[in-house]
């Protein structure tokens, strides 16, 4: 028997990409889907496009809300879930026809709470076979999440058992990093996770998406508070990984400075906060094996001088 899978799609002003997204989901080889779309007050034709697909496919449900942000849209999506598993898909991306089928088969075969897959950017051709299929227990997946290298806080590549989500919600007021905080809270309930690198998700480098927009405190600045919250959680839930989370936190603030400089953002209290954090924990960056020497040099410089950091950013991308 094929368990019901709820595919959750928050939508906001993505009329250019939404048809390909919905087409790829409607064309899944997996036979038992609930597709839930929440339109977060789009000003373009996104809502009508979603409604057209719902009229053709009875397993697609469309809901509309006044614009309240991605966290509110995702919480709305969760309120409509009927499946045994959930899979989040961004409305400007699309997925391979066998993505749901592959993930569900692996979840059942290995009896795990979560299964991951890999991605390709835009329309690159995915590799056909997996080179990685690894079964991780909770402690290992927590450690790898905190390193944030081979396992991160993205939602798009994770099939998750619904019974892990009953007390987990997205946080309002967090515009960047809300997905990582959500995944972090979910991981507190998992027993085992299957990690694969089969490339099934097509990630669109859409310049309008928040991940690629010019830096601002509203758009990306909340990343600091996310890692601050996770670091605090680790101190009493997973104290053996305190150094790992503190290293990832300070590297995250280094990237905040980098993208702010790339956007010609002025030196203000946000930059002072990140600078102060880098200066205090620069030894963690010096000792990290997860970042290159160029990034370490940038961190050293920008922790002391924002203007010279800007010159480094303009000279070459890290």
Protein backbone atom coordinates (compact mmCIF):
# COMPACT_ATOMS: atom_id res chain seq x y z
CA UNK A 1 0.00 0.00 0.00
CA UNK A 2 1.28 3.46 -0.95
CA UNK A 3 1.10 5.95 1.94
CA UNK A 4 -0.36 9.37 1.18
CA UNK A 5 2.31 12.03 0.64
CA UNK A 6 1.43 15.70 1.15
CA UNK A 7 3.45 17.95 -1.18
CA UNK A 8 3.45 21.49 0.24
CA UNK A 9 4.03 24.56 -1.95
CA UNK A 10 4.11 28.13 -0.62
CA UNK A 11 3.56 30.59 -3.47
CA UNK A 12 4.32 34.28 -3.78
CA UNK A 13 4.68 36.07 -7.14
CA UNK A 14 6.20 33.17 -9.08
CA UNK A 15 3.97 33.12 -12.17
CA UNK A 16 7.02 32.66 -14.41
CA UNK A 17 8.04 29.40 -12.71
CA UNK A 18 4.86 27.99 -11.16
CA UNK A 19 3.52 26.10 -14.23
CA UNK A 20 6.74 24.05 -14.50
CA UNK A 21 6.66 23.39 -10.76
CA UNK A 22 3.06 22.18 -10.74
CA UNK A 23 3.53 20.23 -13.98
CA UNK A 24 6.43 18.32 -12.47
CA UNK A 25 4.38 17.44 -9.38
CA UNK A 26 1.25 16.52 -11.32
CA UNK A 27 3.43 14.20 -13.45
CA UNK A 28 4.88 12.21 -10.53
CA UNK A 29 5.04 8.45 -10.98
CA UNK A 30 3.94 8.06 -7.37
CA UNK A 31 0.16 7.39 -7.31
CA UNK A 32 -0.99 8.72 -3.93
CA UNK A 33 -0.49 12.47 -3.54
CA UNK A 34 -2.11 15.38 -1.77
CA UNK A 35 -0.73 18.61 -3.23
CA UNK A 36 -1.38 21.72 -1.14
CA UNK A 37 -0.74 25.21 -2.49
CA UNK A 38 -0.98 28.32 -0.31
CA UNK A 39 -0.85 31.61 -2.17
CA UNK A 40 0.58 34.29 0.13
CA UNK A 41 -1.20 37.28 -1.40
CA UNK A 42 0.54 37.21 -4.79
CA UNK A 43 0.18 40.33 -6.92
CA UNK A 44 0.74 38.47 -10.20
CA UNK A 45 -1.14 35.57 -11.82
CA UNK A 46 0.20 32.89 -9.44
CA UNK A 47 -3.15 32.25 -7.73
CA UNK A 48 -5.08 31.84 -10.98
CA UNK A 49 -2.37 29.51 -12.37
CA UNK A 50 -2.61 27.32 -9.27
CA UNK A 51 -6.40 27.30 -9.49
CA UNK A 52 -6.23 26.19 -13.14
CA UNK A 53 -4.09 23.21 -12.15
CA UNK A 54 -6.43 22.38 -9.27
CA UNK A 55 -9.37 22.35 -11.71
CA UNK A 56 -7.54 19.73 -13.81
CA UNK A 57 -6.12 17.63 -10.97
CA UNK A 58 -8.41 16.74 -8.04
CA UNK A 59 -5.46 15.98 -5.74
CA UNK A 60 -4.34 19.65 -5.88
CA UNK A 61 -5.80 21.98 -3.24
CA UNK A 62 -5.36 25.75 -3.41
CA UNK A 63 -5.73 28.21 -0.54
CA UNK A 64 -5.27 31.97 -0.47
CA UNK A 65 -4.20 34.24 2.37
CA UNK A 66 -3.38 37.91 2.66
CA UNK A 67 0.36 38.46 2.41
CA UNK A 68 1.88 37.41 5.74
CA UNK A 69 5.27 35.96 4.79
CA UNK A 70 6.67 32.52 4.11
CA UNK A 71 6.47 31.31 7.74
CA UNK A 72 2.72 32.01 7.86
CA UNK A 73 2.24 30.38 4.45
CA UNK A 74 4.10 27.24 5.55
CA UNK A 75 2.16 27.01 8.81
CA UNK A 76 -1.03 27.31 6.76
CA UNK A 77 0.21 24.48 4.54
CA UNK A 78 0.84 22.28 7.57
CA UNK A 79 -2.71 22.84 8.80
CA UNK A 80 -4.06 21.10 5.66
CA UNK A 81 -1.80 18.03 5.73
CA UNK A 82 -3.58 14.67 5.47
CA UNK A 83 -0.63 12.49 4.47
CA UNK A 84 1.76 10.20 6.28
CA UNK A 85 4.73 12.09 4.85
CA UNK A 86 5.34 15.71 3.84
CA UNK A 87 7.58 17.12 1.15
CA UNK A 88 8.12 20.87 0.70
CA UNK A 89 8.71 22.21 -2.82
CA UNK A 90 9.46 25.86 -3.58
CA UNK A 91 7.16 27.31 -6.24
CA UNK A 92 10.04 28.49 -8.45
CA UNK A 93 11.64 25.02 -8.54
CA UNK A 94 10.64 21.68 -10.07
CA UNK A 95 11.25 18.00 -9.39
CA UNK A 96 12.11 14.84 -11.30
CA UNK A 97 9.12 12.56 -12.11
CA UNK A 98 10.31 9.80 -9.75
CA UNK A 99 11.29 12.00 -6.79
CA UNK A 100 8.38 11.13 -4.50
CA UNK A 101 8.45 7.46 -5.49
CA UNK A 102 12.18 7.19 -4.77
CA UNK A 103 11.98 8.90 -1.39
CA UNK A 104 8.96 6.90 -0.19
CA UNK A 105 10.49 3.58 -1.26
CA UNK A 106 13.67 4.41 0.67
CA UNK A 107 11.68 5.50 3.73
CA UNK A 108 9.77 2.21 3.77
CA UNK A 109 12.79 0.05 2.93
CA UNK A 110 14.96 1.47 5.71
CA UNK A 111 12.09 2.30 8.12
CA UNK A 112 13.35 5.85 8.73
CA UNK A 113 11.77 9.15 9.75
CA UNK A 114 13.38 11.24 7.02
CA UNK A 115 14.99 10.68 3.61
CA UNK A 116 17.11 13.24 1.75
CA UNK A 117 18.15 13.65 -1.87
CA UNK A 118 20.43 15.88 -3.95
CA UNK A 119 19.74 18.77 -6.30
CA UNK A 120 20.90 20.26 -9.56
CA UNK A 121 20.82 23.96 -10.42
CA UNK A 122 18.33 25.17 -13.02
CA UNK A 123 18.07 22.72 -15.92
CA UNK A 124 21.34 20.83 -15.48
CA UNK A 125 21.01 17.10 -16.09
CA UNK A 126 20.92 15.09 -12.85
CA UNK A 127 23.14 12.09 -12.32
CA UNK A 128 21.13 8.87 -12.54
CA UNK A 129 22.56 6.81 -9.70
CA UNK A 130 23.27 7.42 -6.02
CA UNK A 131 26.86 7.42 -4.82
CA UNK A 132 25.76 7.98 -1.22
CA UNK A 133 23.16 5.99 0.74
CA UNK A 134 23.90 6.34 4.45
CA UNK A 135 21.81 5.52 7.50
CA UNK A 136 22.38 8.04 10.31
CA UNK A 137 21.14 7.81 13.88
CA UNK A 138 19.86 10.92 15.66
CA UNK A 139 23.14 11.88 17.28
CA UNK A 140 25.01 11.70 13.99
CA UNK A 141 22.43 13.71 12.05
CA UNK A 142 22.39 16.36 14.80
CA UNK A 143 26.17 16.65 14.56
CA UNK A 144 26.10 16.94 10.76
CA UNK A 145 23.28 19.50 10.85
CA UNK A 146 25.32 21.62 13.26
CA UNK A 147 28.35 21.40 10.96
CA UNK A 148 25.99 22.48 8.14
CA UNK A 149 28.16 21.10 5.36
CA UNK A 150 26.88 17.72 4.13
CA UNK A 151 23.49 18.11 5.85
CA UNK A 152 21.82 21.51 6.13
CA UNK A 153 18.54 23.18 7.00
CA UNK A 154 16.98 23.22 3.54
CA UNK A 155 13.44 21.84 3.34
CA UNK A 156 13.30 21.02 -0.37
CA UNK A 157 15.34 17.77 -0.17
CA UNK A 158 13.67 16.10 2.81
CA UNK A 159 10.75 13.69 2.93
CA UNK A 160 9.55 13.80 6.57
CA UNK A 161 7.15 11.63 8.56
CA UNK A 162 4.15 13.72 9.58
CA UNK A 163 4.05 12.37 13.12
CA UNK A 164 7.30 14.26 13.82
CA UNK A 165 5.60 17.60 13.15
CA UNK A 166 2.76 17.78 15.66
CA UNK A 167 4.45 20.35 17.90
CA UNK A 168 6.74 21.96 15.30
CA UNK A 169 5.82 25.24 13.60
CA UNK A 170 7.58 27.93 11.60
CA UNK A 171 8.55 31.03 13.58
CA UNK A 172 6.98 34.34 12.62
CA UNK A 173 9.33 37.27 12.22
CA UNK A 174 12.12 35.14 10.74
CA UNK A 175 12.50 35.83 7.03
CA UNK A 176 15.81 34.04 6.50
CA UNK A 177 16.70 30.79 8.21
CA UNK A 178 13.18 29.82 9.27
CA UNK A 179 13.56 26.56 7.35
CA UNK A 180 16.79 25.67 9.21
CA UNK A 181 15.16 26.37 12.57
CA UNK A 182 12.20 24.20 11.57
CA UNK A 183 14.46 21.31 10.50
CA UNK A 184 16.45 21.69 13.73
CA UNK A 185 13.28 21.30 15.79
CA UNK A 186 12.17 18.29 13.71
CA UNK A 187 15.53 16.59 14.26
CA UNK A 188 14.89 16.57 18.00
CA UNK A 189 12.26 13.88 17.31
CA UNK A 190 13.93 11.65 14.69
CA UNK A 191 15.43 8.24 15.36
CA UNK A 192 17.06 7.55 12.00
CA UNK A 193 17.60 9.47 8.76
CA UNK A 194 18.57 8.08 5.37
CA UNK A 195 20.90 10.40 3.47
CA UNK A 196 21.21 9.98 -0.30
CA UNK A 197 22.67 12.16 -3.04
CA UNK A 198 20.37 11.08 -5.88
CA UNK A 199 19.71 14.32 -7.77
CA UNK A 200 15.94 14.70 -7.96
CA UNK A 201 15.32 18.39 -7.24
CA UNK A 202 15.85 21.26 -9.70
CA UNK A 203 16.75 24.44 -7.86
CA UNK A 204 16.11 27.60 -9.85
CA UNK A 205 18.59 30.42 -9.34
CA UNK A 206 15.78 32.97 -9.31
CA UNK A 207 17.18 36.44 -8.63
CA UNK A 208 13.89 37.46 -7.06
CA UNK A 209 14.01 34.84 -4.32
CA UNK A 210 15.06 35.87 -0.82
CA UNK A 211 18.21 33.75 -0.95
CA UNK A 212 19.61 35.83 -3.80
CA UNK A 213 18.19 39.26 -3.03
CA UNK A 214 20.36 42.16 -1.95
CA UNK A 215 21.28 41.95 1.71
CA UNK A 216 19.09 43.76 4.20
CA UNK A 217 18.33 43.22 7.90
CA UNK A 218 14.78 42.17 7.01
CA UNK A 219 15.70 39.78 4.19
CA UNK A 220 18.74 38.03 5.62
CA UNK A 221 19.58 39.53 8.99
CA UNK A 222 17.43 37.02 10.89
CA UNK A 223 20.04 34.34 10.19
CA UNK A 224 21.92 35.59 13.26
CA UNK A 225 18.98 35.08 15.62
CA UNK A 226 18.35 31.60 14.17
CA UNK A 227 21.87 30.37 14.98
CA UNK A 228 21.78 32.16 18.32
CA UNK A 229 18.65 30.15 19.19
CA UNK A 230 20.19 26.87 17.97
CA UNK A 231 23.41 27.53 19.90
CA UNK A 232 21.37 28.08 23.05
CA UNK A 233 19.45 24.83 22.47
CA UNK A 234 22.69 22.90 22.00
CA UNK A 235 24.02 24.11 25.35
CA UNK A 236 21.49 21.95 27.20
CA UNK A 237 20.33 19.39 24.60
CA UNK A 238 23.63 18.45 22.93
CA UNK A 239 26.46 20.03 24.95
CA UNK A 240 29.03 17.70 23.38
CA UNK A 241 28.57 19.66 20.14
CA UNK A 242 28.93 23.16 21.58
CA UNK A 243 32.16 23.91 19.73
CA UNK A 244 30.68 22.73 16.42
CA UNK A 245 27.58 24.94 16.66
CA UNK A 246 29.61 27.94 17.83
CA UNK A 247 31.89 27.53 14.80
CA UNK A 248 28.97 27.31 12.40
CA UNK A 249 27.33 30.34 14.04
CA UNK A 250 30.39 32.54 13.62
CA UNK A 251 30.90 31.35 10.02
CA UNK A 252 27.27 32.25 9.35
CA UNK A 253 27.91 35.79 10.60
CA UNK A 254 31.01 35.97 8.39
CA UNK A 255 28.73 35.24 5.41
CA UNK A 256 26.30 37.91 6.62
CA UNK A 257 29.14 40.41 6.39
CA UNK A 258 30.20 39.09 3.00
CA UNK A 259 26.76 39.40 1.42
CA UNK A 260 26.19 42.80 3.02
CA UNK A 261 29.46 44.03 1.53
CA UNK A 262 28.58 42.48 -1.82
CA UNK A 263 25.37 44.53 -1.72
CA UNK A 264 27.21 47.73 -0.73
CA UNK A 265 25.32 47.77 2.55
CA UNK A 266 26.51 50.59 4.85
CA UNK A 267 28.34 50.05 8.11
CA UNK A 268 25.72 50.08 10.87
CA UNK A 269 24.77 48.35 14.13
CA UNK A 270 24.07 45.04 12.36
CA UNK A 271 27.56 45.04 10.87
CA UNK A 272 29.03 45.95 14.26
CA UNK A 273 27.21 42.98 15.82
CA UNK A 274 28.61 40.53 13.26
CA UNK A 275 32.07 42.09 13.50
CA UNK A 276 32.07 41.79 17.27
CA UNK A 277 31.04 38.13 17.02
CA UNK A 278 33.81 37.40 14.51
CA UNK A 279 36.41 39.13 16.64
CA UNK A 280 35.36 37.23 19.77
CA UNK A 281 35.31 33.80 18.08
CA UNK A 282 37.97 34.25 15.40
CA UNK A 283 39.92 31.28 16.78
CA UNK A 284 37.04 28.98 15.83
CA UNK A 285 37.33 30.17 12.23
CA UNK A 286 41.11 29.80 12.29
CA UNK A 287 40.79 26.18 13.42
CA UNK A 288 37.85 25.22 11.18
CA UNK A 289 38.50 22.56 8.54
CA UNK A 290 35.27 23.41 6.72
CA UNK A 291 36.29 26.75 5.20
CA UNK A 292 39.10 27.73 2.84
CA UNK A 293 42.14 29.85 3.59
CA UNK A 294 40.63 32.71 1.55
CA UNK A 295 37.56 32.76 3.75
CA UNK A 296 39.73 32.71 6.86
CA UNK A 297 41.70 35.69 5.58
CA UNK A 298 38.48 37.55 4.81
CA UNK A 299 37.15 36.81 8.30
CA UNK A 300 40.35 38.08 9.91
CA UNK A 301 40.25 41.30 7.90
CA UNK A 302 36.54 42.11 8.08
CA UNK A 303 36.42 41.46 11.83
CA UNK A 304 38.72 44.47 12.19
CA UNK A 305 37.97 46.72 9.23
CA UNK A 306 34.71 46.80 7.25
CA UNK A 307 36.11 49.04 4.51
CA UNK A 308 39.07 46.80 3.75
CA UNK A 309 36.67 43.84 3.81
CA UNK A 310 34.75 45.54 1.02
CA UNK A 311 37.93 45.80 -1.05
CA UNK A 312 38.56 42.05 -0.62
CA UNK A 313 35.00 41.26 -1.69
CA UNK A 314 35.33 43.37 -4.83
CA UNK A 315 38.68 41.80 -5.72
CA UNK A 316 37.35 38.25 -5.77
CA UNK A 317 34.32 36.24 -4.67
CA UNK A 318 34.95 33.75 -1.92
